[in-house]
Amino acid sequence: MKGVAHVGVLQALTERGLVPSQIVGSSVGALVGAAWSAGKSIAELREIAIGLVRKDIFAVAHADMAFKRMRSPPCSAASRSTTCSTAWSATSHSRTSATP
């Protein structure tokens, strides 16, 4: 997985005495950086990254989608149309609802 590369970069930097003063990342890089900033050792990060399987990543993404659906207003069977789809996409990040 790509996350192992981020751990390798941290390891290479620290082996050369270059300790980052700031951590910035996106996607897996943000997760690795946050865990390292929180005190996880490079060895711990490597074990976590090596142990990850694609199913673990999709389980987290699926849970996120489920929580977003629980927060959105329900669409009735009669209104399952473009308007309802638009309301769904508009409410994925807010609690406002559109009137069909």
N, C-alpha and C. Protein backbone atom coordinates (compact mmCIF):
# COMPACT_ATOMS: atom_id res chain seq x y z
N MET A 1 0.83 -1.19 0.00
CA MET A 1 0.00 0.00 0.00
C MET A 1 0.88 1.25 0.00
N LYS A 2 0.30 2.34 -0.47
CA LYS A 2 1.03 3.59 -0.58
C LYS A 2 1.42 4.16 0.77
N GLY A 3 0.69 3.87 1.81
CA GLY A 3 0.99 4.41 3.13
C GLY A 3 2.34 4.01 3.67
N VAL A 4 2.87 2.89 3.22
CA VAL A 4 4.18 2.43 3.68
C VAL A 4 5.25 3.40 3.21
N ALA A 5 5.09 4.01 2.05
CA ALA A 5 6.08 4.97 1.54
C ALA A 5 6.20 6.18 2.47
N HIS A 6 5.10 6.64 3.02
CA HIS A 6 5.14 7.79 3.93
C HIS A 6 5.96 7.45 5.17
N VAL A 7 5.80 6.26 5.68
CA VAL A 7 6.55 5.82 6.85
C VAL A 7 8.03 5.74 6.50
N GLY A 8 8.34 5.25 5.31
CA GLY A 8 9.73 5.16 4.86
C GLY A 8 10.39 6.53 4.76
N VAL A 9 9.65 7.51 4.31
CA VAL A 9 10.20 8.87 4.22
C VAL A 9 10.52 9.40 5.63
N LEU A 10 9.60 9.21 6.56
CA LEU A 10 9.86 9.63 7.94
C LEU A 10 11.09 8.92 8.51
N GLN A 11 11.21 7.64 8.23
CA GLN A 11 12.34 6.87 8.71
C GLN A 11 13.64 7.40 8.11
N ALA A 12 13.66 7.63 6.81
CA ALA A 12 14.86 8.13 6.13
C ALA A 12 15.27 9.50 6.68
N LEU A 13 14.31 10.37 6.90
CA LEU A 13 14.61 11.70 7.44
C LEU A 13 15.21 11.61 8.85
N THR A 14 14.57 10.84 9.72
CA THR A 14 15.05 10.75 11.10
C THR A 14 16.39 10.04 11.20
N GLU A 15 16.65 9.06 10.33
CA GLU A 15 17.95 8.39 10.32
C GLU A 15 19.08 9.35 9.98
N ARG A 16 18.76 10.39 9.23
CA ARG A 16 19.76 11.38 8.83
C ARG A 16 19.76 12.60 9.76
N GLY A 17 19.02 12.49 10.86
CA GLY A 17 18.99 13.57 11.83
C GLY A 17 18.10 14.74 11.43
N LEU A 18 17.27 14.54 10.44
CA LEU A 18 16.36 15.58 9.98
C LEU A 18 14.97 15.30 10.53
N VAL A 19 14.62 15.98 11.61
CA VAL A 19 13.32 15.77 12.23
C VAL A 19 12.40 16.91 11.80
N PRO A 20 11.31 16.59 11.11
CA PRO A 20 10.39 17.64 10.66
C PRO A 20 9.85 18.47 11.83
N SER A 21 9.78 19.79 11.62
CA SER A 21 9.21 20.65 12.66
C SER A 21 7.72 20.85 12.44
N GLN A 22 7.25 20.58 11.23
CA GLN A 22 5.83 20.70 10.90
C GLN A 22 5.43 19.49 10.06
N ILE A 23 4.21 19.03 10.27
CA ILE A 23 3.69 17.89 9.52
C ILE A 23 2.46 18.37 8.75
N VAL A 24 2.48 18.19 7.45
CA VAL A 24 1.35 18.55 6.59
C VAL A 24 1.15 17.39 5.63
N GLY A 25 -0.09 16.99 5.42
CA GLY A 25 -0.33 15.90 4.49
C GLY A 25 -1.79 15.85 4.10
N SER A 26 -2.05 15.02 3.13
CA SER A 26 -3.43 14.76 2.73
C SER A 26 -3.58 13.26 2.55
N SER A 27 -4.80 12.81 2.69
CA SER A 27 -5.11 11.40 2.51
C SER A 27 -4.29 10.55 3.47
N VAL A 28 -3.64 9.52 2.98
CA VAL A 28 -2.87 8.63 3.85
C VAL A 28 -1.70 9.37 4.50
N GLY A 29 -1.11 10.31 3.77
CA GLY A 29 -0.02 11.10 4.34
C GLY A 29 -0.44 11.86 5.58
N ALA A 30 -1.66 12.37 5.58
CA ALA A 30 -2.18 13.08 6.75
C ALA A 30 -2.37 12.12 7.93
N LEU A 31 -2.84 10.92 7.64
CA LEU A 31 -3.04 9.93 8.71
C LEU A 31 -1.70 9.51 9.31
N VAL A 32 -0.72 9.25 8.46
CA VAL A 32 0.61 8.85 8.94
C VAL A 32 1.23 10.00 9.73
N GLY A 33 1.16 11.21 9.19
CA GLY A 33 1.71 12.37 9.88
C GLY A 33 1.05 12.62 11.23
N ALA A 34 -0.27 12.48 11.28
CA ALA A 34 -0.99 12.69 12.54
C ALA A 34 -0.59 11.64 13.58
N ALA A 35 -0.50 10.40 13.15
CA ALA A 35 -0.12 9.33 14.09
C ALA A 35 1.30 9.53 14.60
N TRP A 36 2.21 9.91 13.70
CA TRP A 36 3.61 10.15 14.10
C TRP A 36 3.69 11.35 15.04
N SER A 37 2.94 12.41 14.73
CA SER A 37 2.91 13.60 15.59
C SER A 37 2.34 13.29 16.96
N ALA A 38 1.43 12.32 17.02
CA ALA A 38 0.80 11.95 18.29
C ALA A 38 1.67 11.01 19.11
N GLY A 39 2.83 10.62 18.57
CA GLY A 39 3.75 9.81 19.36
C GLY A 39 3.96 8.38 18.92
N LYS A 40 3.30 7.95 17.86
CA LYS A 40 3.55 6.59 17.36
C LYS A 40 4.97 6.53 16.82
N SER A 41 5.67 5.46 17.13
CA SER A 41 7.03 5.30 16.61
C SER A 41 6.99 4.87 15.15
N ILE A 42 8.10 5.03 14.48
CA ILE A 42 8.18 4.63 13.07
C ILE A 42 7.96 3.12 12.96
N ALA A 43 8.48 2.36 13.90
CA ALA A 43 8.27 0.90 13.88
C ALA A 43 6.79 0.56 14.02
N GLU A 44 6.08 1.27 14.91
CA GLU A 44 4.64 1.04 15.08
C GLU A 44 3.88 1.40 13.80
N LEU A 45 4.24 2.54 13.22
CA LEU A 45 3.58 2.96 11.98
C LEU A 45 3.80 1.96 10.85
N ARG A 46 5.03 1.45 10.77
CA ARG A 46 5.34 0.46 9.73
C ARG A 46 4.50 -0.80 9.91
N GLU A 47 4.38 -1.28 11.15
CA GLU A 47 3.58 -2.48 11.41
C GLU A 47 2.11 -2.25 11.07
N ILE A 48 1.60 -1.08 11.41
CA ILE A 48 0.21 -0.76 11.09
C ILE A 48 0.02 -0.72 9.58
N ALA A 49 0.93 -0.04 8.88
CA ALA A 49 0.82 0.09 7.42
C ALA A 49 0.92 -1.26 6.73
N ILE A 50 1.84 -2.08 7.18
CA ILE A 50 2.02 -3.40 6.56
C ILE A 50 0.80 -4.28 6.82
N GLY A 51 0.20 -4.14 8.00
CA GLY A 51 -0.95 -4.96 8.36
C GLY A 51 -2.26 -4.54 7.72
N LEU A 52 -2.31 -3.33 7.14
CA LEU A 52 -3.54 -2.86 6.52
C LEU A 52 -3.86 -3.64 5.25
N VAL A 53 -5.11 -3.91 5.09
CA VAL A 53 -5.58 -4.51 3.84
C VAL A 53 -6.64 -3.58 3.26
N ARG A 54 -6.85 -3.66 1.98
CA ARG A 54 -7.79 -2.78 1.29
C ARG A 54 -9.17 -2.78 1.96
N LYS A 55 -9.58 -3.93 2.47
CA LYS A 55 -10.89 -4.05 3.13
C LYS A 55 -10.99 -3.11 4.33
N ASP A 56 -9.89 -2.93 5.08
CA ASP A 56 -9.90 -2.03 6.23
C ASP A 56 -10.18 -0.59 5.80
N ILE A 57 -9.59 -0.16 4.71
CA ILE A 57 -9.76 1.20 4.21
C ILE A 57 -11.21 1.42 3.79
N PHE A 58 -11.78 0.45 3.05
CA PHE A 58 -13.15 0.59 2.58
C PHE A 58 -14.15 0.51 3.73
N ALA A 59 -13.83 -0.20 4.79
CA ALA A 59 -14.73 -0.27 5.95
C ALA A 59 -14.88 1.11 6.58
N VAL A 60 -13.79 1.87 6.66
CA VAL A 60 -13.85 3.23 7.21
C VAL A 60 -14.66 4.13 6.29
N ALA A 61 -14.41 4.05 4.98
CA ALA A 61 -15.15 4.88 4.02
C ALA A 61 -16.64 4.53 4.05
N HIS A 62 -16.97 3.27 4.18
CA HIS A 62 -18.37 2.85 4.22
C HIS A 62 -19.06 3.40 5.48
N ALA A 63 -18.36 3.37 6.60
CA ALA A 63 -18.93 3.89 7.84
C ALA A 63 -19.18 5.39 7.71
N ASP A 64 -18.27 6.11 7.07
CA ASP A 64 -18.45 7.55 6.87
C ASP A 64 -19.68 7.82 6.01
N MET A 65 -19.87 7.06 4.96
CA MET A 65 -21.04 7.24 4.10
C MET A 65 -22.32 6.94 4.87
N ALA A 66 -22.29 5.92 5.71
CA ALA A 66 -23.48 5.57 6.50
C ALA A 66 -23.85 6.69 7.46
N PHE A 67 -22.85 7.30 8.12
CA PHE A 67 -23.13 8.41 9.03
C PHE A 67 -23.71 9.60 8.29
N LYS A 68 -23.21 9.89 7.11
CA LYS A 68 -23.74 11.01 6.32
C LYS A 68 -25.18 10.75 5.93
N ARG A 69 -25.50 9.51 5.59
CA ARG A 69 -26.89 9.18 5.22
C ARG A 69 -27.82 9.31 6.41
N MET A 70 -27.34 8.95 7.60
CA MET A 70 -28.18 9.05 8.79
C MET A 70 -28.50 10.51 9.11
N ARG A 71 -27.59 11.43 8.77
CA ARG A 71 -27.80 12.84 9.05
C ARG A 71 -28.70 13.52 8.03
N SER A 72 -28.85 12.93 6.85
CA SER A 72 -29.61 13.59 5.80
C SER A 72 -31.11 13.37 6.00
N PRO A 73 -31.92 14.31 5.50
CA PRO A 73 -33.37 14.16 5.62
C PRO A 73 -33.85 13.02 4.73
N PRO A 74 -34.86 12.30 5.16
CA PRO A 74 -35.36 11.19 4.35
C PRO A 74 -36.09 11.70 3.10
N CYS A 75 -36.00 10.94 2.04
CA CYS A 75 -36.75 11.24 0.81
C CYS A 75 -37.87 10.22 0.72
N SER A 76 -39.06 10.69 0.52
CA SER A 76 -40.19 9.77 0.41
C SER A 76 -40.13 9.05 -0.93
N ALA A 77 -40.80 7.91 -1.02
CA ALA A 77 -40.82 7.13 -2.26
C ALA A 77 -41.43 7.93 -3.40
N ALA A 78 -42.42 8.77 -3.08
CA ALA A 78 -43.08 9.57 -4.11
C ALA A 78 -42.17 10.66 -4.67
N SER A 79 -41.20 11.10 -3.86
CA SER A 79 -40.35 12.20 -4.31
C SER A 79 -38.96 11.77 -4.72
N ARG A 80 -38.74 10.48 -4.94
CA ARG A 80 -37.42 10.01 -5.37
C ARG A 80 -37.20 10.40 -6.83
N SER A 81 -36.77 11.60 -7.00
CA SER A 81 -36.56 12.15 -8.33
C SER A 81 -35.29 12.97 -8.32
N THR A 82 -35.10 13.75 -9.34
CA THR A 82 -33.93 14.63 -9.40
C THR A 82 -33.91 15.58 -8.21
N THR A 83 -35.07 16.08 -7.81
CA THR A 83 -35.14 17.00 -6.68
C THR A 83 -34.65 16.34 -5.41
N CYS A 84 -35.05 15.10 -5.20
CA CYS A 84 -34.63 14.37 -4.00
C CYS A 84 -33.13 14.11 -4.06
N SER A 85 -32.61 13.76 -5.24
CA SER A 85 -31.17 13.54 -5.39
C SER A 85 -30.41 14.82 -5.11
N THR A 86 -30.94 15.94 -5.59
CA THR A 86 -30.30 17.23 -5.35
C THR A 86 -30.31 17.55 -3.86
N ALA A 87 -31.43 17.27 -3.21
CA ALA A 87 -31.52 17.49 -1.77
C ALA A 87 -30.52 16.63 -1.03
N TRP A 88 -30.34 15.38 -1.48
CA TRP A 88 -29.38 14.48 -0.84
C TRP A 88 -27.97 15.04 -0.95
N SER A 89 -27.56 15.46 -2.15
CA SER A 89 -26.20 15.96 -2.30
C SER A 89 -26.01 17.27 -1.57
N ALA A 90 -27.03 18.10 -1.49
CA ALA A 90 -26.92 19.37 -0.78
C ALA A 90 -26.85 19.17 0.72
N THR A 91 -27.42 18.11 1.24
CA THR A 91 -27.44 17.91 2.69
C THR A 91 -26.31 17.00 3.17
N SER A 92 -25.46 16.54 2.29
CA SER A 92 -24.40 15.65 2.76
C SER A 92 -23.44 16.37 3.70
N HIS A 93 -23.39 17.72 3.64
CA HIS A 93 -22.53 18.46 4.54
C HIS A 93 -23.28 19.45 5.41
N SER A 94 -24.60 19.50 5.32
CA SER A 94 -25.37 20.40 6.16
C SER A 94 -26.70 19.76 6.51
N ARG A 95 -27.41 20.40 7.38
CA ARG A 95 -28.70 19.85 7.81
C ARG A 95 -29.88 20.53 7.13
N THR A 96 -29.66 21.37 6.14
CA THR A 96 -30.78 22.00 5.46
C THR A 96 -31.39 21.04 4.49
N SER A 97 -32.67 21.19 4.22
CA SER A 97 -33.33 20.28 3.29
C SER A 97 -34.04 21.10 2.22
N ALA A 98 -34.15 20.48 1.07
CA ALA A 98 -34.86 21.12 -0.05
C ALA A 98 -36.28 20.60 -0.08
N THR A 99 -37.20 21.45 -0.48
CA THR A 99 -38.60 21.05 -0.60
C THR A 99 -38.84 20.55 -2.00
N PRO A 100 -39.36 19.30 -2.15
CA PRO A 100 -39.60 18.76 -3.51
C PRO A 100 -40.68 19.50 -4.24
